[in-house]
Amino acid sequence: MELLDKLNWRYAAKAMNGKKVPQEKIDNIIEAISLSPTSSGLQPFEIIVITNQELKEKIRPVSWNQSVITDCSHLIVFAAWDTYTAERINKMFDLTNTVRGFENEGWENYRKMLLGSYPQKDPEVNFNHAAKQAYIAFSQAIAAAAFEGVDSTPLEGFDPDALDKILGLREKGLRSCVMLPLGYRDDKNDWLVNLTKVRKNKEDLVTLIE
């Protein structure tokens, strides 16, 4: 029940007070991101963790001028691979073999299957797939932040092309897909803080097939 209590406590903070989040809590949230499941274990994304205030000031105008961008403690940008390449796929499969200390025939056959599929697909199709994997980690980061008692603001309201340019992501083969400001709520200036959380009734959410 503790996790559910934390998830009931969390909401999308609309104003933050600038207080710094302890590094230990940030490290735990990043570890939760790292532990997120991804398709074929490829982890086809990177995260950019921003504390530099000058850089946050540059990002705010391309993010609908939302105050949480500059008033948060840490701004996490989730950037997905722009496409799948043989080099990227091989790097993750080689890492798996190194960490586990052996090669598996079935695993190597699976590598060949992916190499014969993903790199040949349209880059936009590949980016959309990679972005979905980033969103899994993004969701896990939100839950981890709540567990740590840290507020967050799921944020898609920004110009991805402009953000990519500010951060130089395209040169790295990355494209931004979502951001997560982390910090602490500003109770006095956040219109959403005291409003009741609203969710669908279970009857409207769940279909049980027995």
N, C-alpha and C. Protein backbone atom coordinates (compact mmCIF):
# COMPACT_ATOMS: atom_id res chain seq x y z
N MET A 1 0.82 -1.21 0.00
CA MET A 1 0.00 0.00 0.00
C MET A 1 0.85 1.26 0.00
N GLU A 2 2.10 1.16 0.46
CA GLU A 2 2.93 2.36 0.53
C GLU A 2 3.09 3.00 -0.84
N LEU A 3 3.33 2.18 -1.87
CA LEU A 3 3.49 2.73 -3.21
C LEU A 3 2.20 3.41 -3.67
N LEU A 4 1.05 2.79 -3.41
CA LEU A 4 -0.22 3.41 -3.81
C LEU A 4 -0.46 4.71 -3.06
N ASP A 5 -0.07 4.75 -1.79
CA ASP A 5 -0.18 5.99 -1.03
C ASP A 5 0.65 7.10 -1.67
N LYS A 6 1.85 6.75 -2.09
CA LYS A 6 2.74 7.71 -2.73
C LYS A 6 2.16 8.19 -4.07
N LEU A 7 1.58 7.26 -4.82
CA LEU A 7 1.01 7.62 -6.12
C LEU A 7 -0.24 8.48 -5.95
N ASN A 8 -0.97 8.27 -4.87
CA ASN A 8 -2.11 9.14 -4.58
C ASN A 8 -1.64 10.53 -4.15
N TRP A 9 -0.48 10.59 -3.52
CA TRP A 9 0.09 11.87 -3.08
C TRP A 9 0.57 12.70 -4.26
N ARG A 10 1.13 12.04 -5.26
CA ARG A 10 1.74 12.77 -6.38
C ARG A 10 0.67 13.39 -7.28
N TYR A 11 1.08 14.44 -7.94
CA TYR A 11 0.26 15.08 -8.96
C TYR A 11 1.22 15.82 -9.87
N ALA A 12 0.74 16.36 -10.96
CA ALA A 12 1.59 17.11 -11.89
C ALA A 12 1.78 18.52 -11.35
N ALA A 13 2.86 18.74 -10.64
CA ALA A 13 3.10 20.04 -10.02
C ALA A 13 3.15 21.14 -11.08
N LYS A 14 2.41 22.21 -10.85
CA LYS A 14 2.36 23.33 -11.80
C LYS A 14 3.25 24.49 -11.36
N ALA A 15 3.75 24.42 -10.13
CA ALA A 15 4.69 25.43 -9.63
C ALA A 15 5.64 24.76 -8.65
N MET A 16 6.91 25.08 -8.75
CA MET A 16 7.91 24.53 -7.83
C MET A 16 8.63 25.66 -7.13
N ASN A 17 9.21 25.34 -5.97
CA ASN A 17 9.76 26.39 -5.11
C ASN A 17 11.28 26.57 -5.22
N GLY A 18 11.92 25.86 -6.12
CA GLY A 18 13.36 26.04 -6.32
C GLY A 18 14.24 25.28 -5.36
N LYS A 19 13.66 24.60 -4.37
CA LYS A 19 14.46 23.84 -3.41
C LYS A 19 15.15 22.67 -4.10
N LYS A 20 16.40 22.44 -3.72
CA LYS A 20 17.19 21.38 -4.34
C LYS A 20 16.80 20.00 -3.79
N VAL A 21 16.74 19.05 -4.69
CA VAL A 21 16.49 17.66 -4.31
C VAL A 21 17.83 17.02 -3.95
N PRO A 22 17.92 16.33 -2.81
CA PRO A 22 19.18 15.68 -2.45
C PRO A 22 19.66 14.73 -3.53
N GLN A 23 20.97 14.68 -3.73
CA GLN A 23 21.54 13.88 -4.80
C GLN A 23 21.20 12.39 -4.65
N GLU A 24 21.10 11.92 -3.43
CA GLU A 24 20.76 10.52 -3.21
C GLU A 24 19.40 10.17 -3.82
N LYS A 25 18.44 11.08 -3.68
CA LYS A 25 17.12 10.85 -4.25
C LYS A 25 17.18 10.87 -5.78
N ILE A 26 17.95 11.81 -6.33
CA ILE A 26 18.12 11.86 -7.79
C ILE A 26 18.76 10.58 -8.28
N ASP A 27 19.78 10.10 -7.58
CA ASP A 27 20.46 8.87 -7.97
C ASP A 27 19.50 7.69 -7.98
N ASN A 28 18.60 7.63 -7.00
CA ASN A 28 17.63 6.54 -6.93
C ASN A 28 16.65 6.62 -8.10
N ILE A 29 16.23 7.82 -8.46
CA ILE A 29 15.32 7.98 -9.59
C ILE A 29 16.00 7.57 -10.89
N ILE A 30 17.26 7.96 -11.05
CA ILE A 30 18.02 7.58 -12.25
C ILE A 30 18.21 6.06 -12.30
N GLU A 31 18.44 5.45 -11.15
CA GLU A 31 18.58 3.99 -11.12
C GLU A 31 17.28 3.32 -11.54
N ALA A 32 16.15 3.87 -11.10
CA ALA A 32 14.85 3.33 -11.51
C ALA A 32 14.67 3.45 -13.01
N ILE A 33 15.13 4.55 -13.59
CA ILE A 33 15.07 4.71 -15.04
C ILE A 33 15.90 3.63 -15.72
N SER A 34 17.10 3.41 -15.19
CA SER A 34 17.99 2.40 -15.76
C SER A 34 17.40 1.00 -15.69
N LEU A 35 16.62 0.74 -14.64
CA LEU A 35 16.04 -0.59 -14.44
C LEU A 35 14.74 -0.80 -15.21
N SER A 36 14.29 0.21 -15.94
CA SER A 36 13.03 0.09 -16.68
C SER A 36 13.15 -0.97 -17.78
N PRO A 37 12.08 -1.71 -18.02
CA PRO A 37 12.09 -2.68 -19.11
C PRO A 37 12.02 -1.98 -20.46
N THR A 38 12.72 -2.53 -21.44
CA THR A 38 12.64 -2.01 -22.80
C THR A 38 12.63 -3.17 -23.78
N SER A 39 12.10 -2.94 -24.96
CA SER A 39 12.00 -3.96 -25.98
C SER A 39 13.38 -4.51 -26.34
N SER A 40 13.53 -5.82 -26.22
CA SER A 40 14.78 -6.53 -26.51
C SER A 40 15.94 -6.07 -25.63
N GLY A 41 15.63 -5.34 -24.57
CA GLY A 41 16.67 -4.88 -23.65
C GLY A 41 17.63 -3.87 -24.26
N LEU A 42 17.20 -3.18 -25.31
CA LEU A 42 18.11 -2.30 -26.04
C LEU A 42 18.29 -0.93 -25.37
N GLN A 43 17.39 -0.55 -24.49
CA GLN A 43 17.45 0.78 -23.86
C GLN A 43 17.74 1.87 -24.91
N PRO A 44 16.85 2.04 -25.89
CA PRO A 44 17.14 2.92 -27.01
C PRO A 44 16.89 4.41 -26.73
N PHE A 45 17.44 4.88 -25.65
CA PHE A 45 17.28 6.28 -25.28
C PHE A 45 18.39 6.68 -24.32
N GLU A 46 18.53 7.96 -24.13
CA GLU A 46 19.43 8.51 -23.11
C GLU A 46 18.66 9.57 -22.34
N ILE A 47 19.16 9.92 -21.17
CA ILE A 47 18.55 11.01 -20.42
C ILE A 47 19.60 12.10 -20.21
N ILE A 48 19.15 13.33 -20.28
CA ILE A 48 20.00 14.47 -20.00
C ILE A 48 19.48 15.11 -18.72
N VAL A 49 20.31 15.17 -17.70
CA VAL A 49 19.93 15.71 -16.40
C VAL A 49 20.52 17.12 -16.29
N ILE A 50 19.65 18.10 -16.20
CA ILE A 50 20.07 19.51 -16.25
C ILE A 50 19.83 20.20 -14.92
N THR A 51 20.90 20.74 -14.34
CA THR A 51 20.80 21.58 -13.16
C THR A 51 21.28 23.00 -13.45
N ASN A 52 21.96 23.19 -14.57
CA ASN A 52 22.49 24.50 -14.95
C ASN A 52 21.35 25.49 -15.17
N GLN A 53 21.31 26.54 -14.35
CA GLN A 53 20.19 27.47 -14.41
C GLN A 53 20.15 28.25 -15.71
N GLU A 54 21.30 28.61 -16.24
CA GLU A 54 21.34 29.35 -17.50
C GLU A 54 20.75 28.52 -18.64
N LEU A 55 21.06 27.23 -18.63
CA LEU A 55 20.51 26.36 -19.66
C LEU A 55 19.01 26.19 -19.50
N LYS A 56 18.54 26.07 -18.26
CA LYS A 56 17.10 25.97 -18.03
C LYS A 56 16.38 27.24 -18.49
N GLU A 57 17.02 28.38 -18.32
CA GLU A 57 16.44 29.65 -18.79
C GLU A 57 16.30 29.66 -20.31
N LYS A 58 17.22 29.01 -21.01
CA LYS A 58 17.15 28.93 -22.47
C LYS A 58 16.04 27.99 -22.91
N ILE A 59 15.80 26.96 -22.12
CA ILE A 59 14.79 25.96 -22.49
C ILE A 59 13.38 26.45 -22.21
N ARG A 60 13.21 27.27 -21.21
CA ARG A 60 11.86 27.72 -20.81
C ARG A 60 11.07 28.36 -21.95
N PRO A 61 11.65 29.26 -22.77
CA PRO A 61 10.85 29.88 -23.83
C PRO A 61 10.34 28.90 -24.89
N VAL A 62 11.03 27.77 -25.09
CA VAL A 62 10.58 26.78 -26.07
C VAL A 62 9.72 25.71 -25.41
N SER A 63 9.34 25.97 -24.14
CA SER A 63 8.52 25.03 -23.38
C SER A 63 7.28 25.73 -22.84
N TRP A 64 6.68 26.54 -23.71
CA TRP A 64 5.44 27.26 -23.38
C TRP A 64 5.61 28.15 -22.16
N ASN A 65 6.85 28.55 -21.88
CA ASN A 65 7.18 29.45 -20.77
C ASN A 65 6.71 28.91 -19.42
N GLN A 66 6.75 27.61 -19.26
CA GLN A 66 6.30 26.99 -18.01
C GLN A 66 7.34 27.19 -16.90
N SER A 67 6.88 27.69 -15.77
CA SER A 67 7.78 28.07 -14.69
C SER A 67 8.53 26.89 -14.07
N VAL A 68 7.95 25.70 -14.17
CA VAL A 68 8.61 24.54 -13.56
C VAL A 68 9.95 24.25 -14.24
N ILE A 69 10.13 24.71 -15.47
CA ILE A 69 11.40 24.48 -16.16
C ILE A 69 12.54 25.17 -15.42
N THR A 70 12.31 26.39 -14.98
CA THR A 70 13.37 27.15 -14.31
C THR A 70 13.33 27.01 -12.80
N ASP A 71 12.18 26.64 -12.25
CA ASP A 71 12.05 26.56 -10.79
C ASP A 71 12.26 25.16 -10.24
N CYS A 72 12.45 24.19 -11.12
CA CYS A 72 12.70 22.82 -10.65
C CYS A 72 14.15 22.70 -10.17
N SER A 73 14.41 21.63 -9.47
CA SER A 73 15.77 21.32 -9.02
C SER A 73 16.57 20.68 -10.14
N HIS A 74 16.00 19.65 -10.74
CA HIS A 74 16.64 18.92 -11.82
C HIS A 74 15.64 18.76 -12.96
N LEU A 75 16.09 19.03 -14.17
CA LEU A 75 15.25 18.84 -15.35
C LEU A 75 15.80 17.65 -16.14
N ILE A 76 14.97 16.61 -16.26
CA ILE A 76 15.38 15.42 -17.00
C ILE A 76 14.73 15.42 -18.38
N VAL A 77 15.57 15.34 -19.39
CA VAL A 77 15.10 15.24 -20.77
C VAL A 77 15.30 13.81 -21.25
N PHE A 78 14.24 13.18 -21.71
CA PHE A 78 14.32 11.84 -22.27
C PHE A 78 14.49 11.97 -23.78
N ALA A 79 15.58 11.44 -24.28
CA ALA A 79 15.91 11.57 -25.71
C ALA A 79 16.07 10.17 -26.30
N ALA A 80 15.21 9.85 -27.26
CA ALA A 80 15.24 8.52 -27.88
C ALA A 80 16.21 8.49 -29.05
N TRP A 81 16.69 7.29 -29.36
CA TRP A 81 17.51 7.12 -30.56
C TRP A 81 16.71 7.60 -31.77
N ASP A 82 17.40 8.25 -32.70
CA ASP A 82 16.71 8.70 -33.91
C ASP A 82 16.41 7.54 -34.86
N THR A 83 17.13 6.43 -34.70
CA THR A 83 16.84 5.21 -35.45
C THR A 83 17.63 4.06 -34.82
N TYR A 84 17.35 2.85 -35.26
CA TYR A 84 18.13 1.68 -34.83
C TYR A 84 19.20 1.40 -35.88
N THR A 85 20.42 1.21 -35.44
CA THR A 85 21.52 0.88 -36.34
C THR A 85 22.15 -0.43 -35.89
N ALA A 86 22.89 -1.06 -36.80
CA ALA A 86 23.59 -2.29 -36.45
C ALA A 86 24.57 -2.03 -35.31
N GLU A 87 25.24 -0.89 -35.33
CA GLU A 87 26.20 -0.56 -34.28
C GLU A 87 25.54 -0.47 -32.92
N ARG A 88 24.38 0.17 -32.85
CA ARG A 88 23.68 0.31 -31.58
C ARG A 88 23.17 -1.03 -31.07
N ILE A 89 22.62 -1.83 -31.96
CA ILE A 89 22.12 -3.14 -31.56
C ILE A 89 23.26 -4.03 -31.09
N ASN A 90 24.34 -4.07 -31.85
CA ASN A 90 25.49 -4.91 -31.49
C ASN A 90 26.09 -4.48 -30.16
N LYS A 91 26.14 -3.19 -29.91
CA LYS A 91 26.73 -2.70 -28.66
C LYS A 91 25.99 -3.26 -27.45
N MET A 92 24.65 -3.27 -27.51
CA MET A 92 23.88 -3.78 -26.38
C MET A 92 23.97 -5.30 -26.26
N PHE A 93 24.00 -6.00 -27.38
CA PHE A 93 24.13 -7.46 -27.32
C PHE A 93 25.53 -7.84 -26.82
N ASP A 94 26.55 -7.13 -27.27
CA ASP A 94 27.90 -7.41 -26.81
C ASP A 94 28.03 -7.13 -25.31
N LEU A 95 27.39 -6.06 -24.84
CA LEU A 95 27.40 -5.74 -23.41
C LEU A 95 26.77 -6.86 -22.61
N THR A 96 25.65 -7.38 -23.10
CA THR A 96 24.97 -8.48 -22.41
C THR A 96 25.89 -9.69 -22.30
N ASN A 97 26.57 -10.02 -23.39
CA ASN A 97 27.48 -11.17 -23.37
C ASN A 97 28.64 -10.95 -22.40
N THR A 98 29.13 -9.73 -22.36
CA THR A 98 30.24 -9.41 -21.45
C THR A 98 29.82 -9.52 -20.00
N VAL A 99 28.67 -8.93 -19.67
CA VAL A 99 28.19 -8.94 -18.29
C VAL A 99 27.86 -10.35 -17.83
N ARG A 100 27.24 -11.15 -18.71
CA ARG A 100 26.84 -12.50 -18.32
C ARG A 100 27.98 -13.50 -18.43
N GLY A 101 29.00 -13.13 -19.19
CA GLY A 101 30.19 -13.97 -19.27
C GLY A 101 30.09 -15.16 -20.20
N PHE A 102 29.10 -15.17 -21.06
CA PHE A 102 28.99 -16.27 -22.02
C PHE A 102 28.11 -15.84 -23.18
N GLU A 103 28.19 -16.59 -24.28
CA GLU A 103 27.33 -16.37 -25.44
C GLU A 103 26.31 -17.51 -25.52
N ASN A 104 25.12 -17.15 -25.92
CA ASN A 104 24.03 -18.12 -26.03
C ASN A 104 23.56 -18.17 -27.48
N GLU A 105 23.43 -19.37 -28.01
CA GLU A 105 23.07 -19.52 -29.42
C GLU A 105 21.72 -18.86 -29.73
N GLY A 106 20.75 -19.08 -28.86
CA GLY A 106 19.44 -18.49 -29.07
C GLY A 106 19.49 -16.97 -29.06
N TRP A 107 20.30 -16.43 -28.14
CA TRP A 107 20.46 -14.98 -28.02
C TRP A 107 21.13 -14.41 -29.27
N GLU A 108 22.14 -15.15 -29.78
CA GLU A 108 22.83 -14.68 -30.99
C GLU A 108 21.92 -14.76 -32.22
N ASN A 109 21.07 -15.77 -32.25
CA ASN A 109 20.10 -15.85 -33.35
C ASN A 109 19.11 -14.69 -33.28
N TYR A 110 18.76 -14.31 -32.04
CA TYR A 110 17.86 -13.18 -31.86
C TYR A 110 18.53 -11.88 -32.31
N ARG A 111 19.83 -11.75 -32.05
CA ARG A 111 20.60 -10.60 -32.52
C ARG A 111 20.51 -10.51 -34.05
N LYS A 112 20.73 -11.63 -34.71
CA LYS A 112 20.69 -11.65 -36.17
C LYS A 112 19.31 -11.25 -36.69
N MET A 113 18.29 -11.70 -35.99
CA MET A 113 16.93 -11.36 -36.40
C MET A 113 16.70 -9.86 -36.32
N LEU A 114 17.16 -9.24 -35.22
CA LEU A 114 16.99 -7.80 -35.07
C LEU A 114 17.82 -7.04 -36.11
N LEU A 115 19.03 -7.51 -36.35
CA LEU A 115 19.89 -6.86 -37.34
C LEU A 115 19.29 -6.94 -38.75
N GLY A 116 18.52 -7.97 -38.99
CA GLY A 116 17.89 -8.13 -40.29
C GLY A 116 16.55 -7.41 -40.39
N SER A 117 16.17 -6.73 -39.31
CA SER A 117 14.86 -6.08 -39.29
C SER A 117 14.95 -4.57 -39.05
N TYR A 118 15.34 -4.18 -37.85
CA TYR A 118 15.29 -2.77 -37.45
C TYR A 118 16.07 -1.81 -38.37
N PRO A 119 17.34 -2.08 -38.67
CA PRO A 119 18.10 -1.09 -39.44
C PRO A 119 17.52 -0.80 -40.82
N GLN A 120 16.73 -1.72 -41.35
CA GLN A 120 16.17 -1.53 -42.68
C GLN A 120 14.86 -0.73 -42.66
N LYS A 121 14.32 -0.48 -41.49
CA LYS A 121 13.04 0.22 -41.39
C LYS A 121 13.23 1.72 -41.54
N ASP A 122 12.13 2.39 -41.84
CA ASP A 122 12.16 3.85 -41.95
C ASP A 122 12.61 4.45 -40.61
N PRO A 123 13.53 5.41 -40.61
CA PRO A 123 14.02 6.00 -39.37
C PRO A 123 12.91 6.57 -38.48
N GLU A 124 11.86 7.13 -39.09
CA GLU A 124 10.78 7.69 -38.29
C GLU A 124 10.02 6.59 -37.55
N VAL A 125 9.85 5.44 -38.20
CA VAL A 125 9.22 4.30 -37.54
C VAL A 125 10.08 3.84 -36.37
N ASN A 126 11.38 3.78 -36.58
CA ASN A 126 12.30 3.37 -35.52
C ASN A 126 12.30 4.37 -34.37
N PHE A 127 12.30 5.67 -34.68
CA PHE A 127 12.27 6.67 -33.62
C PHE A 127 11.01 6.54 -32.78
N ASN A 128 9.87 6.36 -33.44
CA ASN A 128 8.61 6.22 -32.70
C ASN A 128 8.64 5.01 -31.77
N HIS A 129 9.25 3.93 -32.23
CA HIS A 129 9.37 2.73 -31.38
C HIS A 129 10.30 3.01 -30.20
N ALA A 130 11.43 3.66 -30.47
CA ALA A 130 12.37 3.98 -29.41
C ALA A 130 11.76 4.94 -28.39
N ALA A 131 10.97 5.90 -28.89
CA ALA A 131 10.33 6.86 -28.00
C ALA A 131 9.35 6.16 -27.05
N LYS A 132 8.67 5.12 -27.53
CA LYS A 132 7.76 4.37 -26.67
C LYS A 132 8.53 3.71 -25.53
N GLN A 133 9.75 3.25 -25.81
CA GLN A 133 10.57 2.65 -24.76
C GLN A 133 10.99 3.70 -23.74
N ALA A 134 11.30 4.91 -24.24
CA ALA A 134 11.66 6.00 -23.34
C ALA A 134 10.50 6.36 -22.42
N TYR A 135 9.27 6.26 -22.96
CA TYR A 135 8.10 6.59 -22.15
C TYR A 135 7.89 5.58 -21.02
N ILE A 136 8.28 4.33 -21.24
CA ILE A 136 8.20 3.35 -20.16
C ILE A 136 9.09 3.79 -19.00
N ALA A 137 10.32 4.19 -19.33
CA ALA A 137 11.26 4.66 -18.32
C ALA A 137 10.77 5.96 -17.68
N PHE A 138 10.18 6.82 -18.49
CA PHE A 138 9.60 8.07 -18.01
C PHE A 138 8.54 7.81 -16.95
N SER A 139 7.66 6.86 -17.22
CA SER A 139 6.61 6.51 -16.26
C SER A 139 7.21 5.96 -14.98
N GLN A 140 8.23 5.14 -15.11
CA GLN A 140 8.87 4.56 -13.93
C GLN A 140 9.57 5.66 -13.11
N ALA A 141 10.11 6.66 -13.79
CA ALA A 141 10.74 7.78 -13.10
C ALA A 141 9.72 8.56 -12.27
N ILE A 142 8.52 8.73 -12.81
CA ILE A 142 7.46 9.44 -12.08
C ILE A 142 7.13 8.70 -10.79
N ALA A 143 6.98 7.37 -10.90
CA ALA A 143 6.66 6.57 -9.72
C ALA A 143 7.82 6.59 -8.72
N ALA A 144 9.05 6.51 -9.22
CA ALA A 144 10.22 6.53 -8.34
C ALA A 144 10.32 7.87 -7.62
N ALA A 145 10.04 8.96 -8.33
CA ALA A 145 10.08 10.28 -7.70
C ALA A 145 9.05 10.37 -6.59
N ALA A 146 7.85 9.88 -6.84
CA ALA A 146 6.81 9.89 -5.82
C ALA A 146 7.24 9.07 -4.61
N PHE A 147 7.86 7.93 -4.86
CA PHE A 147 8.32 7.07 -3.76
C PHE A 147 9.36 7.80 -2.91
N GLU A 148 10.16 8.67 -3.56
CA GLU A 148 11.19 9.44 -2.85
C GLU A 148 10.64 10.72 -2.23
N GLY A 149 9.34 10.98 -2.43
CA GLY A 149 8.76 12.20 -1.91
C GLY A 149 9.16 13.43 -2.70
N VAL A 150 9.46 13.22 -3.97
CA VAL A 150 9.88 14.31 -4.86
C VAL A 150 8.76 14.58 -5.86
N ASP A 151 8.45 15.85 -6.05
CA ASP A 151 7.42 16.22 -7.01
C ASP A 151 7.98 16.19 -8.42
N SER A 152 7.09 15.99 -9.38
CA SER A 152 7.49 15.96 -10.79
C SER A 152 6.38 16.53 -11.64
N THR A 153 6.72 16.89 -12.86
CA THR A 153 5.75 17.43 -13.80
C THR A 153 5.93 16.76 -15.15
N PRO A 154 5.13 15.76 -15.49
CA PRO A 154 5.21 15.16 -16.83
C PRO A 154 4.98 16.26 -17.88
N LEU A 155 5.91 16.38 -18.82
CA LEU A 155 5.87 17.58 -19.67
C LEU A 155 6.16 17.23 -21.12
N GLU A 156 5.12 17.34 -21.94
CA GLU A 156 5.26 17.22 -23.39
C GLU A 156 5.13 18.56 -24.09
N GLY A 157 4.77 19.60 -23.33
CA GLY A 157 4.53 20.91 -23.90
C GLY A 157 5.82 21.67 -24.19
N PHE A 158 6.47 21.30 -25.26
CA PHE A 158 7.68 21.99 -25.69
C PHE A 158 7.90 21.74 -27.17
N ASP A 159 8.76 22.55 -27.77
CA ASP A 159 9.11 22.41 -29.18
C ASP A 159 10.32 21.47 -29.27
N PRO A 160 10.11 20.22 -29.68
CA PRO A 160 11.22 19.26 -29.67
C PRO A 160 12.36 19.65 -30.60
N ASP A 161 12.05 20.23 -31.75
CA ASP A 161 13.11 20.64 -32.66
C ASP A 161 13.99 21.72 -32.03
N ALA A 162 13.35 22.68 -31.37
CA ALA A 162 14.10 23.75 -30.71
C ALA A 162 14.92 23.21 -29.55
N LEU A 163 14.34 22.30 -28.78
CA LEU A 163 15.06 21.71 -27.65
C LEU A 163 16.25 20.89 -28.15
N ASP A 164 16.03 20.13 -29.22
CA ASP A 164 17.12 19.34 -29.78
C ASP A 164 18.29 20.24 -30.19
N LYS A 165 17.96 21.40 -30.73
CA LYS A 165 19.00 22.34 -31.16
C LYS A 165 19.75 22.91 -29.97
N ILE A 166 19.03 23.27 -28.93
CA ILE A 166 19.66 23.83 -27.72
C ILE A 166 20.62 22.82 -27.11
N LEU A 167 20.23 21.56 -27.08
CA LEU A 167 21.03 20.52 -26.42
C LEU A 167 21.97 19.79 -27.39
N GLY A 168 21.89 20.09 -28.67
CA GLY A 168 22.74 19.42 -29.65
C GLY A 168 22.47 17.94 -29.76
N LEU A 169 21.19 17.57 -29.68
CA LEU A 169 20.84 16.15 -29.65
C LEU A 169 20.93 15.48 -31.00
N ARG A 170 20.54 16.19 -32.07
CA ARG A 170 20.53 15.54 -33.38
C ARG A 170 21.93 15.09 -33.79
N GLU A 171 22.94 15.87 -33.39
CA GLU A 171 24.33 15.50 -33.72
C GLU A 171 24.74 14.21 -33.02
N LYS A 172 24.03 13.86 -31.96
CA LYS A 172 24.32 12.64 -31.22
C LYS A 172 23.41 11.48 -31.62
N GLY A 173 22.58 11.70 -32.65
CA GLY A 173 21.65 10.66 -33.07
C GLY A 173 20.49 10.49 -32.12
N LEU A 174 20.09 11.58 -31.45
CA LEU A 174 19.02 11.54 -30.47
C LEU A 174 17.96 12.58 -30.81
N ARG A 175 16.74 12.32 -30.33
CA ARG A 175 15.63 13.27 -30.47
C ARG A 175 14.84 13.30 -29.17
N SER A 176 14.59 14.50 -28.66
CA SER A 176 13.84 14.62 -27.42
C SER A 176 12.40 14.17 -27.62
N CYS A 177 11.84 13.56 -26.58
CA CYS A 177 10.45 13.12 -26.69
C CYS A 177 9.60 13.54 -25.50
N VAL A 178 10.20 13.73 -24.32
CA VAL A 178 9.43 14.12 -23.15
C VAL A 178 10.40 14.62 -22.08
N MET A 179 9.91 15.49 -21.19
CA MET A 179 10.74 16.01 -20.11
C MET A 179 10.08 15.77 -18.76
N LEU A 180 10.91 15.75 -17.71
CA LEU A 180 10.40 15.56 -16.36
C LEU A 180 11.14 16.47 -15.39
N PRO A 181 10.58 17.66 -15.11
CA PRO A 181 11.15 18.49 -14.06
C PRO A 181 10.93 17.82 -12.69
N LEU A 182 11.96 17.85 -11.85
CA LEU A 182 11.89 17.29 -10.51
C LEU A 182 12.17 18.39 -9.49
N GLY A 183 11.42 18.38 -8.41
CA GLY A 183 11.64 19.39 -7.38
C GLY A 183 10.61 19.26 -6.29
N TYR A 184 10.22 20.41 -5.73
CA TYR A 184 9.24 20.41 -4.65
C TYR A 184 8.16 21.45 -4.93
N ARG A 185 6.93 21.06 -4.71
CA ARG A 185 5.77 21.90 -5.02
C ARG A 185 5.79 23.22 -4.26
N ASP A 186 5.31 24.24 -4.93
CA ASP A 186 5.12 25.56 -4.33
C ASP A 186 3.65 25.67 -3.95
N ASP A 187 3.34 25.34 -2.69
CA ASP A 187 1.95 25.25 -2.24
C ASP A 187 1.17 26.55 -2.45
N LYS A 188 1.85 27.67 -2.29
CA LYS A 188 1.15 28.96 -2.33
C LYS A 188 0.81 29.40 -3.76
N ASN A 189 1.54 28.90 -4.74
CA ASN A 189 1.36 29.39 -6.11
C ASN A 189 0.92 28.33 -7.11
N ASP A 190 0.61 27.14 -6.61
CA ASP A 190 0.19 26.06 -7.51
C ASP A 190 -1.31 25.87 -7.39
N TRP A 191 -2.02 26.22 -8.45
CA TRP A 191 -3.49 26.14 -8.43
C TRP A 191 -4.00 24.72 -8.32
N LEU A 192 -3.15 23.73 -8.66
CA LEU A 192 -3.61 22.34 -8.71
C LEU A 192 -3.37 21.59 -7.40
N VAL A 193 -2.56 22.15 -6.52
CA VAL A 193 -2.06 21.38 -5.38
C VAL A 193 -3.16 20.84 -4.47
N ASN A 194 -4.22 21.56 -4.26
CA ASN A 194 -5.25 21.13 -3.31
C ASN A 194 -6.50 20.55 -3.97
N LEU A 195 -6.46 20.39 -5.27
CA LEU A 195 -7.62 19.84 -5.95
C LEU A 195 -7.63 18.31 -5.86
N THR A 196 -8.81 17.75 -5.76
CA THR A 196 -8.95 16.30 -5.63
C THR A 196 -8.50 15.60 -6.92
N LYS A 197 -7.73 14.53 -6.75
CA LYS A 197 -7.31 13.73 -7.91
C LYS A 197 -8.54 13.05 -8.52
N VAL A 198 -8.66 13.13 -9.83
CA VAL A 198 -9.81 12.55 -10.53
C VAL A 198 -9.33 11.46 -11.48
N ARG A 199 -9.91 10.29 -11.36
CA ARG A 199 -9.60 9.18 -12.24
C ARG A 199 -10.89 8.47 -12.64
N LYS A 200 -10.85 7.73 -13.73
CA LYS A 200 -12.01 6.95 -14.17
C LYS A 200 -12.44 5.96 -13.08
N ASN A 201 -13.73 5.64 -13.06
CA ASN A 201 -14.18 4.51 -12.26
C ASN A 201 -13.56 3.24 -12.82
N LYS A 202 -13.34 2.28 -11.95
CA LYS A 202 -12.74 1.02 -12.41
C LYS A 202 -13.58 0.37 -13.49
N GLU A 203 -14.90 0.56 -13.42
CA GLU A 203 -15.78 -0.04 -14.43
C GLU A 203 -15.52 0.54 -15.82
N ASP A 204 -15.09 1.78 -15.86
CA ASP A 204 -14.79 2.43 -17.14
C ASP A 204 -13.36 2.20 -17.59
N LEU A 205 -12.55 1.69 -16.69
CA LEU A 205 -11.14 1.49 -16.99
C LEU A 205 -10.79 0.05 -17.31
N VAL A 206 -11.41 -0.87 -16.59
CA VAL A 206 -11.01 -2.27 -16.64
C VAL A 206 -12.06 -3.13 -17.32
N THR A 207 -11.63 -3.94 -18.27
CA THR A 207 -12.47 -4.97 -18.86
C THR A 207 -11.89 -6.32 -18.44
N LEU A 208 -12.66 -7.10 -17.71
CA LEU A 208 -12.22 -8.41 -17.22
C LEU A 208 -12.71 -9.50 -18.16
N ILE A 209 -11.79 -10.29 -18.67
CA ILE A 209 -12.12 -11.42 -19.55
C ILE A 209 -11.73 -12.70 -18.83
N GLU A 210 -12.72 -13.50 -18.45
CA GLU A 210 -12.43 -14.73 -17.70
C GLU A 210 -12.59 -15.97 -18.56
